[in-house]
Amino acid sequence: MKYREATALDIDAIAGLHADSWRRNYRGAYLDAFLDGDVFADRLAVWTNRLTSGRPSDYTIVGELDGTVRGFAHTISDADPTWGALVENLHVAHDLKGQGVGSRLMAEAARTLMRRRPSMGLYLNVLEQNVAAQAFYDARGGTCVGRSLGGPFPGGGRAVVLTYTWPDPSALLGRD
């Protein structure tokens, strides 16, 4: 697996992986009508904007295997004055879960943040129903610091989200 920053050439692959992950993992939070519809088109528009807008504070790390994007982490620096940079998306191809790709993506997101904003913390939000993701974040030293009602999500729907933090992102480096 090769890890690198995403480019505009990755838009279709990231959008496809993102749509597949949402369909598999977000049922019950996102409306079924949305998830059963053209989620790819929705994600394609989002990723086209993200990877062509040139926002220097945002970055996306991809994990690539044999020339195919198999996971990604998208981070927004300076997202919150308390918690710091937001890992807004972390998705790994379903068939690669449990093989260290997510850990490495989190480590690469942390490494990039530490290079760009050395004193900034890292945080993310996870659906309360996604207990597997919570176990993943717990195992990587994340601290759950909040619970709130999230949404409305793309296509509608609301669900409880938990906020996980890493005040010192270097804690993620030894876990990849």
N, C-alpha and C. Protein backbone atom coordinates (compact mmCIF):
# COMPACT_ATOMS: atom_id res chain seq x y z
N MET A 1 0.85 -1.18 0.00
CA MET A 1 0.00 0.00 0.00
C MET A 1 0.90 1.23 0.00
N LYS A 2 0.58 2.16 -0.86
CA LYS A 2 1.31 3.43 -0.95
C LYS A 2 0.38 4.53 -0.43
N TYR A 3 0.90 5.44 0.38
CA TYR A 3 0.12 6.54 0.94
C TYR A 3 0.66 7.85 0.39
N ARG A 4 -0.25 8.72 -0.04
CA ARG A 4 0.14 10.00 -0.64
C ARG A 4 -1.02 10.96 -0.56
N GLU A 5 -0.75 12.23 -0.85
CA GLU A 5 -1.84 13.22 -0.90
C GLU A 5 -2.62 13.02 -2.20
N ALA A 6 -3.91 13.20 -2.09
CA ALA A 6 -4.81 13.02 -3.24
C ALA A 6 -4.63 14.17 -4.22
N THR A 7 -4.95 13.87 -5.48
CA THR A 7 -4.97 14.88 -6.54
C THR A 7 -6.32 14.81 -7.24
N ALA A 8 -6.53 15.72 -8.17
CA ALA A 8 -7.79 15.72 -8.93
C ALA A 8 -7.97 14.43 -9.72
N LEU A 9 -6.89 13.72 -10.01
CA LEU A 9 -7.00 12.45 -10.73
C LEU A 9 -7.67 11.36 -9.89
N ASP A 10 -7.78 11.58 -8.58
CA ASP A 10 -8.38 10.61 -7.66
C ASP A 10 -9.86 10.82 -7.40
N ILE A 11 -10.45 11.85 -7.98
CA ILE A 11 -11.83 12.24 -7.66
C ILE A 11 -12.81 11.07 -7.84
N ASP A 12 -12.82 10.44 -8.99
CA ASP A 12 -13.78 9.35 -9.24
C ASP A 12 -13.60 8.19 -8.26
N ALA A 13 -12.35 7.80 -8.02
CA ALA A 13 -12.08 6.67 -7.13
C ALA A 13 -12.51 6.98 -5.70
N ILE A 14 -12.20 8.18 -5.22
CA ILE A 14 -12.58 8.56 -3.86
C ILE A 14 -14.11 8.63 -3.75
N ALA A 15 -14.76 9.23 -4.72
CA ALA A 15 -16.23 9.34 -4.70
C ALA A 15 -16.87 7.95 -4.68
N GLY A 16 -16.34 7.03 -5.47
CA GLY A 16 -16.89 5.67 -5.50
C GLY A 16 -16.70 4.95 -4.18
N LEU A 17 -15.53 5.06 -3.60
CA LEU A 17 -15.27 4.43 -2.31
C LEU A 17 -16.13 5.05 -1.21
N HIS A 18 -16.27 6.36 -1.25
CA HIS A 18 -17.09 7.07 -0.27
C HIS A 18 -18.55 6.63 -0.36
N ALA A 19 -19.08 6.57 -1.57
CA ALA A 19 -20.48 6.15 -1.76
C ALA A 19 -20.69 4.72 -1.26
N ASP A 20 -19.78 3.82 -1.59
CA ASP A 20 -19.90 2.43 -1.14
C ASP A 20 -19.86 2.34 0.38
N SER A 21 -18.97 3.07 1.00
CA SER A 21 -18.87 3.05 2.46
C SER A 21 -20.14 3.56 3.12
N TRP A 22 -20.68 4.65 2.59
CA TRP A 22 -21.94 5.17 3.15
C TRP A 22 -23.06 4.15 3.01
N ARG A 23 -23.18 3.52 1.87
CA ARG A 23 -24.25 2.53 1.67
C ARG A 23 -24.12 1.38 2.65
N ARG A 24 -22.92 0.97 2.94
CA ARG A 24 -22.69 -0.17 3.84
C ARG A 24 -22.83 0.19 5.32
N ASN A 25 -22.47 1.41 5.69
CA ASN A 25 -22.31 1.74 7.11
C ASN A 25 -23.25 2.80 7.67
N TYR A 26 -23.98 3.51 6.83
CA TYR A 26 -24.75 4.65 7.34
C TYR A 26 -26.26 4.43 7.32
N ARG A 27 -26.70 3.21 7.06
CA ARG A 27 -28.14 2.93 7.10
C ARG A 27 -28.67 3.17 8.51
N GLY A 28 -29.83 3.77 8.59
CA GLY A 28 -30.41 4.10 9.88
C GLY A 28 -30.13 5.53 10.30
N ALA A 29 -29.06 6.11 9.78
CA ALA A 29 -28.75 7.51 10.04
C ALA A 29 -29.12 8.34 8.82
N TYR A 30 -28.64 7.89 7.66
CA TYR A 30 -28.99 8.53 6.39
C TYR A 30 -30.23 7.85 5.86
N LEU A 31 -31.05 8.58 5.15
CA LEU A 31 -32.28 8.01 4.62
C LEU A 31 -31.99 6.96 3.56
N ASP A 32 -32.73 5.85 3.61
CA ASP A 32 -32.54 4.77 2.63
C ASP A 32 -32.75 5.26 1.21
N ALA A 33 -33.72 6.15 1.02
CA ALA A 33 -33.98 6.65 -0.34
C ALA A 33 -32.73 7.35 -0.90
N PHE A 34 -32.02 8.05 -0.06
CA PHE A 34 -30.78 8.70 -0.49
C PHE A 34 -29.70 7.66 -0.76
N LEU A 35 -29.50 6.73 0.18
CA LEU A 35 -28.45 5.72 0.03
C LEU A 35 -28.71 4.79 -1.15
N ASP A 36 -29.97 4.55 -1.47
CA ASP A 36 -30.32 3.68 -2.59
C ASP A 36 -30.32 4.43 -3.92
N GLY A 37 -30.19 5.74 -3.85
CA GLY A 37 -30.18 6.58 -5.05
C GLY A 37 -28.76 6.76 -5.57
N ASP A 38 -28.54 7.87 -6.22
CA ASP A 38 -27.25 8.13 -6.85
C ASP A 38 -26.30 8.84 -5.88
N VAL A 39 -25.88 8.11 -4.85
CA VAL A 39 -24.95 8.64 -3.87
C VAL A 39 -23.62 8.99 -4.54
N PHE A 40 -23.25 8.21 -5.55
CA PHE A 40 -22.00 8.48 -6.25
C PHE A 40 -22.00 9.89 -6.84
N ALA A 41 -23.08 10.31 -7.48
CA ALA A 41 -23.15 11.65 -8.07
C ALA A 41 -23.00 12.72 -6.99
N ASP A 42 -23.64 12.50 -5.84
CA ASP A 42 -23.52 13.43 -4.72
C ASP A 42 -22.07 13.53 -4.25
N ARG A 43 -21.43 12.39 -4.05
CA ARG A 43 -20.04 12.38 -3.58
C ARG A 43 -19.09 12.90 -4.66
N LEU A 44 -19.40 12.64 -5.93
CA LEU A 44 -18.57 13.14 -7.03
C LEU A 44 -18.53 14.66 -7.02
N ALA A 45 -19.69 15.28 -6.80
CA ALA A 45 -19.74 16.75 -6.74
C ALA A 45 -18.92 17.27 -5.55
N VAL A 46 -19.03 16.62 -4.40
CA VAL A 46 -18.29 17.04 -3.21
C VAL A 46 -16.79 16.90 -3.44
N TRP A 47 -16.36 15.76 -3.97
CA TRP A 47 -14.93 15.53 -4.15
C TRP A 47 -14.34 16.35 -5.29
N THR A 48 -15.13 16.63 -6.30
CA THR A 48 -14.65 17.52 -7.36
C THR A 48 -14.36 18.90 -6.77
N ASN A 49 -15.26 19.38 -5.94
CA ASN A 49 -15.06 20.67 -5.29
C ASN A 49 -13.85 20.64 -4.36
N ARG A 50 -13.76 19.62 -3.52
CA ARG A 50 -12.67 19.55 -2.55
C ARG A 50 -11.30 19.48 -3.21
N LEU A 51 -11.18 18.67 -4.23
CA LEU A 51 -9.86 18.43 -4.81
C LEU A 51 -9.50 19.38 -5.94
N THR A 52 -10.40 20.32 -6.26
CA THR A 52 -10.06 21.32 -7.27
C THR A 52 -10.14 22.74 -6.73
N SER A 53 -10.61 22.91 -5.49
CA SER A 53 -10.79 24.26 -4.94
C SER A 53 -9.48 24.88 -4.47
N GLY A 54 -8.49 24.06 -4.18
CA GLY A 54 -7.20 24.59 -3.76
C GLY A 54 -7.18 25.18 -2.37
N ARG A 55 -8.01 24.68 -1.45
CA ARG A 55 -7.98 25.17 -0.07
C ARG A 55 -6.74 24.61 0.63
N PRO A 56 -5.75 25.45 0.92
CA PRO A 56 -4.50 24.95 1.49
C PRO A 56 -4.64 24.36 2.89
N SER A 57 -5.72 24.70 3.60
CA SER A 57 -5.89 24.16 4.95
C SER A 57 -6.45 22.74 4.94
N ASP A 58 -7.00 22.30 3.83
CA ASP A 58 -7.58 20.96 3.73
C ASP A 58 -6.61 20.03 3.02
N TYR A 59 -6.62 18.77 3.39
CA TYR A 59 -5.81 17.79 2.68
C TYR A 59 -6.46 16.42 2.77
N THR A 60 -6.22 15.63 1.75
CA THR A 60 -6.75 14.28 1.67
C THR A 60 -5.60 13.33 1.40
N ILE A 61 -5.49 12.32 2.24
CA ILE A 61 -4.47 11.27 2.08
C ILE A 61 -5.18 10.04 1.52
N VAL A 62 -4.60 9.44 0.50
CA VAL A 62 -5.15 8.20 -0.04
C VAL A 62 -4.18 7.06 0.20
N GLY A 63 -4.77 5.88 0.36
CA GLY A 63 -4.01 4.64 0.37
C GLY A 63 -4.29 3.96 -0.96
N GLU A 64 -3.23 3.66 -1.69
CA GLU A 64 -3.35 3.16 -3.05
C GLU A 64 -2.66 1.79 -3.14
N LEU A 65 -3.36 0.84 -3.72
CA LEU A 65 -2.83 -0.51 -3.91
C LEU A 65 -2.93 -0.86 -5.38
N ASP A 66 -1.82 -1.17 -5.99
CA ASP A 66 -1.78 -1.51 -7.42
C ASP A 66 -2.47 -0.45 -8.27
N GLY A 67 -2.24 0.82 -7.93
CA GLY A 67 -2.77 1.92 -8.71
C GLY A 67 -4.23 2.26 -8.46
N THR A 68 -4.85 1.61 -7.46
CA THR A 68 -6.27 1.85 -7.15
C THR A 68 -6.40 2.40 -5.73
N VAL A 69 -7.16 3.49 -5.58
CA VAL A 69 -7.41 4.07 -4.27
C VAL A 69 -8.28 3.09 -3.47
N ARG A 70 -7.77 2.68 -2.31
CA ARG A 70 -8.46 1.69 -1.46
C ARG A 70 -8.84 2.25 -0.10
N GLY A 71 -8.47 3.51 0.16
CA GLY A 71 -8.85 4.16 1.40
C GLY A 71 -8.45 5.62 1.33
N PHE A 72 -9.07 6.44 2.19
CA PHE A 72 -8.71 7.86 2.22
C PHE A 72 -9.11 8.48 3.55
N ALA A 73 -8.41 9.56 3.87
CA ALA A 73 -8.71 10.38 5.05
C ALA A 73 -8.65 11.83 4.61
N HIS A 74 -9.74 12.56 4.87
CA HIS A 74 -9.81 13.97 4.51
C HIS A 74 -9.83 14.79 5.79
N THR A 75 -8.94 15.78 5.88
CA THR A 75 -8.77 16.59 7.08
C THR A 75 -8.93 18.07 6.76
N ILE A 76 -9.63 18.76 7.65
CA ILE A 76 -9.82 20.20 7.55
C ILE A 76 -9.11 20.84 8.74
N SER A 77 -8.01 21.52 8.47
CA SER A 77 -7.26 22.19 9.54
C SER A 77 -8.07 23.38 10.06
N ASP A 78 -7.80 23.76 11.29
CA ASP A 78 -8.46 24.92 11.91
C ASP A 78 -9.98 24.82 11.90
N ALA A 79 -10.52 23.62 11.98
CA ALA A 79 -11.97 23.45 11.93
C ALA A 79 -12.67 23.86 13.22
N ASP A 80 -11.97 23.74 14.34
CA ASP A 80 -12.59 24.04 15.63
C ASP A 80 -11.55 24.69 16.55
N PRO A 81 -11.91 25.80 17.20
CA PRO A 81 -10.93 26.49 18.06
C PRO A 81 -10.52 25.66 19.28
N THR A 82 -11.35 24.73 19.69
CA THR A 82 -11.02 23.89 20.84
C THR A 82 -10.29 22.62 20.44
N TRP A 83 -10.85 21.90 19.47
CA TRP A 83 -10.34 20.57 19.13
C TRP A 83 -9.32 20.57 18.00
N GLY A 84 -9.30 21.60 17.16
CA GLY A 84 -8.30 21.69 16.10
C GLY A 84 -8.78 21.23 14.75
N ALA A 85 -8.02 20.33 14.16
CA ALA A 85 -8.28 19.86 12.79
C ALA A 85 -9.28 18.71 12.82
N LEU A 86 -10.21 18.74 11.87
CA LEU A 86 -11.26 17.73 11.77
C LEU A 86 -10.92 16.70 10.71
N VAL A 87 -10.85 15.43 11.11
CA VAL A 87 -10.80 14.34 10.13
C VAL A 87 -12.25 14.14 9.72
N GLU A 88 -12.63 14.78 8.64
CA GLU A 88 -14.04 14.77 8.24
C GLU A 88 -14.44 13.43 7.61
N ASN A 89 -13.51 12.78 6.96
CA ASN A 89 -13.81 11.49 6.34
C ASN A 89 -12.65 10.53 6.54
N LEU A 90 -12.97 9.31 6.90
CA LEU A 90 -12.02 8.21 6.93
C LEU A 90 -12.77 6.99 6.43
N HIS A 91 -12.38 6.50 5.28
CA HIS A 91 -13.05 5.35 4.69
C HIS A 91 -12.02 4.40 4.09
N VAL A 92 -12.26 3.12 4.29
CA VAL A 92 -11.39 2.06 3.76
C VAL A 92 -12.26 1.07 3.01
N ALA A 93 -11.76 0.57 1.90
CA ALA A 93 -12.50 -0.43 1.13
C ALA A 93 -12.91 -1.59 2.05
N HIS A 94 -14.13 -2.05 1.88
CA HIS A 94 -14.70 -3.05 2.76
C HIS A 94 -13.82 -4.30 2.88
N ASP A 95 -13.23 -4.74 1.79
CA ASP A 95 -12.43 -5.97 1.82
C ASP A 95 -11.06 -5.78 2.46
N LEU A 96 -10.68 -4.56 2.81
CA LEU A 96 -9.40 -4.31 3.44
C LEU A 96 -9.51 -3.92 4.91
N LYS A 97 -10.73 -3.90 5.43
CA LYS A 97 -10.90 -3.53 6.84
C LYS A 97 -10.18 -4.53 7.73
N GLY A 98 -9.59 -4.01 8.78
CA GLY A 98 -8.87 -4.86 9.73
C GLY A 98 -7.45 -5.20 9.31
N GLN A 99 -6.96 -4.56 8.24
CA GLN A 99 -5.62 -4.87 7.74
C GLN A 99 -4.64 -3.71 7.95
N GLY A 100 -5.03 -2.73 8.76
CA GLY A 100 -4.11 -1.65 9.10
C GLY A 100 -4.19 -0.42 8.22
N VAL A 101 -5.04 -0.45 7.21
CA VAL A 101 -5.13 0.70 6.30
C VAL A 101 -5.67 1.93 7.02
N GLY A 102 -6.74 1.77 7.80
CA GLY A 102 -7.30 2.90 8.54
C GLY A 102 -6.32 3.47 9.54
N SER A 103 -5.58 2.60 10.22
CA SER A 103 -4.56 3.07 11.18
C SER A 103 -3.50 3.89 10.48
N ARG A 104 -3.07 3.41 9.34
CA ARG A 104 -2.02 4.13 8.60
C ARG A 104 -2.55 5.46 8.07
N LEU A 105 -3.81 5.47 7.60
CA LEU A 105 -4.40 6.73 7.12
C LEU A 105 -4.50 7.75 8.25
N MET A 106 -4.90 7.30 9.43
CA MET A 106 -4.96 8.21 10.59
C MET A 106 -3.56 8.72 10.93
N ALA A 107 -2.57 7.84 10.88
CA ALA A 107 -1.20 8.26 11.17
C ALA A 107 -0.70 9.26 10.14
N GLU A 108 -1.00 9.03 8.87
CA GLU A 108 -0.57 9.96 7.82
C GLU A 108 -1.29 11.31 7.94
N ALA A 109 -2.57 11.28 8.32
CA ALA A 109 -3.31 12.53 8.55
C ALA A 109 -2.67 13.30 9.70
N ALA A 110 -2.32 12.58 10.78
CA ALA A 110 -1.67 13.21 11.94
C ALA A 110 -0.30 13.76 11.56
N ARG A 111 0.47 12.98 10.82
CA ARG A 111 1.82 13.40 10.41
C ARG A 111 1.76 14.67 9.57
N THR A 112 0.82 14.71 8.64
CA THR A 112 0.67 15.89 7.79
C THR A 112 0.25 17.10 8.62
N LEU A 113 -0.67 16.90 9.54
CA LEU A 113 -1.11 18.00 10.41
C LEU A 113 0.06 18.51 11.26
N MET A 114 0.85 17.62 11.82
CA MET A 114 1.97 18.03 12.66
C MET A 114 3.01 18.82 11.87
N ARG A 115 3.16 18.49 10.61
CA ARG A 115 4.09 19.22 9.75
C ARG A 115 3.55 20.62 9.43
N ARG A 116 2.23 20.70 9.20
CA ARG A 116 1.63 21.98 8.81
C ARG A 116 1.26 22.86 9.99
N ARG A 117 0.74 22.25 11.04
CA ARG A 117 0.27 22.99 12.23
C ARG A 117 0.74 22.22 13.47
N PRO A 118 2.00 22.37 13.86
CA PRO A 118 2.61 21.53 14.90
C PRO A 118 1.89 21.49 16.24
N SER A 119 1.20 22.53 16.62
CA SER A 119 0.58 22.54 17.95
C SER A 119 -0.92 22.26 17.92
N MET A 120 -1.44 21.81 16.80
CA MET A 120 -2.89 21.63 16.66
C MET A 120 -3.31 20.19 16.98
N GLY A 121 -4.44 20.06 17.66
CA GLY A 121 -5.04 18.76 17.93
C GLY A 121 -5.84 18.27 16.74
N LEU A 122 -6.35 17.04 16.89
CA LEU A 122 -7.11 16.38 15.83
C LEU A 122 -8.38 15.82 16.44
N TYR A 123 -9.48 15.88 15.70
CA TYR A 123 -10.73 15.30 16.20
C TYR A 123 -11.55 14.80 15.03
N LEU A 124 -12.58 14.03 15.36
CA LEU A 124 -13.54 13.56 14.36
C LEU A 124 -14.86 13.27 15.03
N ASN A 125 -15.87 13.14 14.21
CA ASN A 125 -17.20 12.76 14.67
C ASN A 125 -17.54 11.40 14.07
N VAL A 126 -18.19 10.56 14.86
CA VAL A 126 -18.56 9.22 14.40
C VAL A 126 -20.00 8.95 14.83
N LEU A 127 -20.73 8.27 13.97
CA LEU A 127 -22.11 7.92 14.32
C LEU A 127 -22.12 7.01 15.54
N GLU A 128 -23.02 7.28 16.47
CA GLU A 128 -23.13 6.45 17.66
C GLU A 128 -23.44 5.00 17.31
N GLN A 129 -24.17 4.79 16.23
CA GLN A 129 -24.53 3.43 15.82
C GLN A 129 -23.33 2.66 15.26
N ASN A 130 -22.25 3.35 14.92
CA ASN A 130 -21.08 2.73 14.32
C ASN A 130 -20.11 2.28 15.42
N VAL A 131 -20.47 1.21 16.10
CA VAL A 131 -19.68 0.74 17.24
C VAL A 131 -18.32 0.19 16.80
N ALA A 132 -18.23 -0.34 15.60
CA ALA A 132 -16.93 -0.83 15.11
C ALA A 132 -15.95 0.33 14.96
N ALA A 133 -16.42 1.44 14.42
CA ALA A 133 -15.55 2.62 14.28
C ALA A 133 -15.16 3.15 15.65
N GLN A 134 -16.08 3.16 16.59
CA GLN A 134 -15.75 3.63 17.94
C GLN A 134 -14.65 2.76 18.56
N ALA A 135 -14.74 1.46 18.39
CA ALA A 135 -13.71 0.56 18.91
C ALA A 135 -12.37 0.85 18.24
N PHE A 136 -12.40 1.14 16.95
CA PHE A 136 -11.19 1.50 16.21
C PHE A 136 -10.56 2.76 16.80
N TYR A 137 -11.36 3.80 17.04
CA TYR A 137 -10.84 5.06 17.58
C TYR A 137 -10.38 4.89 19.02
N ASP A 138 -11.11 4.11 19.81
CA ASP A 138 -10.67 3.82 21.18
C ASP A 138 -9.30 3.15 21.18
N ALA A 139 -9.11 2.18 20.29
CA ALA A 139 -7.85 1.43 20.22
C ALA A 139 -6.68 2.31 19.76
N ARG A 140 -6.99 3.43 19.13
CA ARG A 140 -5.96 4.35 18.67
C ARG A 140 -5.79 5.53 19.60
N GLY A 141 -6.30 5.40 20.83
CA GLY A 141 -6.06 6.42 21.85
C GLY A 141 -6.99 7.61 21.81
N GLY A 142 -8.06 7.54 21.02
CA GLY A 142 -9.02 8.63 20.98
C GLY A 142 -9.81 8.72 22.26
N THR A 143 -10.22 9.92 22.61
CA THR A 143 -11.05 10.15 23.79
C THR A 143 -12.40 10.69 23.34
N CYS A 144 -13.46 10.03 23.74
CA CYS A 144 -14.80 10.52 23.41
C CYS A 144 -15.13 11.66 24.35
N VAL A 145 -15.35 12.86 23.78
CA VAL A 145 -15.56 14.05 24.60
C VAL A 145 -16.95 14.67 24.44
N GLY A 146 -17.78 14.08 23.59
CA GLY A 146 -19.09 14.69 23.41
C GLY A 146 -20.04 13.81 22.62
N ARG A 147 -21.31 14.13 22.79
CA ARG A 147 -22.39 13.41 22.12
C ARG A 147 -23.42 14.46 21.72
N SER A 148 -23.84 14.45 20.45
CA SER A 148 -24.82 15.43 20.00
C SER A 148 -25.64 14.85 18.85
N LEU A 149 -26.71 15.53 18.51
CA LEU A 149 -27.53 15.12 17.39
C LEU A 149 -26.93 15.71 16.12
N GLY A 150 -26.53 14.85 15.21
CA GLY A 150 -25.93 15.29 13.97
C GLY A 150 -26.94 15.39 12.85
N GLY A 151 -26.57 16.12 11.82
CA GLY A 151 -27.43 16.27 10.65
C GLY A 151 -28.13 17.62 10.67
N PRO A 152 -29.01 17.82 9.72
CA PRO A 152 -29.42 16.82 8.75
C PRO A 152 -28.28 16.48 7.79
N PHE A 153 -28.19 15.18 7.48
CA PHE A 153 -27.15 14.66 6.60
C PHE A 153 -27.56 14.84 5.15
N PRO A 154 -26.61 14.67 4.22
CA PRO A 154 -26.98 14.74 2.80
C PRO A 154 -28.15 13.80 2.51
N GLY A 155 -29.16 14.31 1.85
CA GLY A 155 -30.34 13.51 1.56
C GLY A 155 -31.33 13.44 2.71
N GLY A 156 -31.01 14.05 3.85
CA GLY A 156 -31.90 14.03 5.01
C GLY A 156 -31.45 13.00 6.04
N GLY A 157 -32.10 13.00 7.16
CA GLY A 157 -31.77 12.08 8.24
C GLY A 157 -30.94 12.75 9.30
N ARG A 158 -31.09 12.25 10.52
CA ARG A 158 -30.34 12.75 11.67
C ARG A 158 -30.00 11.55 12.54
N ALA A 159 -28.92 11.67 13.28
CA ALA A 159 -28.51 10.60 14.20
C ALA A 159 -27.55 11.18 15.23
N VAL A 160 -27.39 10.46 16.30
CA VAL A 160 -26.47 10.87 17.35
C VAL A 160 -25.04 10.62 16.87
N VAL A 161 -24.19 11.62 17.09
CA VAL A 161 -22.76 11.50 16.75
C VAL A 161 -21.93 11.71 18.01
N LEU A 162 -20.80 11.04 18.05
CA LEU A 162 -19.85 11.17 19.15
C LEU A 162 -18.61 11.88 18.62
N THR A 163 -18.02 12.72 19.44
CA THR A 163 -16.80 13.43 19.08
C THR A 163 -15.62 12.78 19.79
N TYR A 164 -14.62 12.38 19.00
CA TYR A 164 -13.38 11.80 19.51
C TYR A 164 -12.24 12.78 19.27
N THR A 165 -11.34 12.89 20.23
CA THR A 165 -10.22 13.83 20.10
C THR A 165 -8.88 13.16 20.35
N TRP A 166 -7.87 13.77 19.75
CA TRP A 166 -6.46 13.47 19.98
C TRP A 166 -5.78 14.83 20.15
N PRO A 167 -5.69 15.36 21.38
CA PRO A 167 -5.05 16.66 21.58
C PRO A 167 -3.60 16.68 21.08
N ASP A 168 -2.95 15.53 21.17
CA ASP A 168 -1.59 15.38 20.65
C ASP A 168 -1.62 14.32 19.56
N PRO A 169 -1.70 14.74 18.30
CA PRO A 169 -1.82 13.80 17.18
C PRO A 169 -0.65 12.82 17.06
N SER A 170 0.49 13.14 17.68
CA SER A 170 1.63 12.22 17.59
C SER A 170 1.29 10.86 18.24
N ALA A 171 0.27 10.82 19.08
CA ALA A 171 -0.16 9.56 19.68
C ALA A 171 -0.61 8.56 18.60
N LEU A 172 -0.98 9.05 17.42
CA LEU A 172 -1.43 8.19 16.34
C LEU A 172 -0.26 7.60 15.53
N LEU A 173 0.92 8.15 15.69
CA LEU A 173 2.04 7.73 14.84
C LEU A 173 2.54 6.33 15.18
N GLY A 174 2.49 5.95 16.40
CA GLY A 174 2.95 4.62 16.77
C GLY A 174 1.91 3.54 16.59
N ARG A 175 0.78 3.90 16.02
CA ARG A 175 -0.34 2.95 15.90
C ARG A 175 -0.61 2.57 14.46
N ASP A 176 0.34 2.84 13.56
CA ASP A 176 0.11 2.51 12.15
C ASP A 176 0.88 1.28 11.72
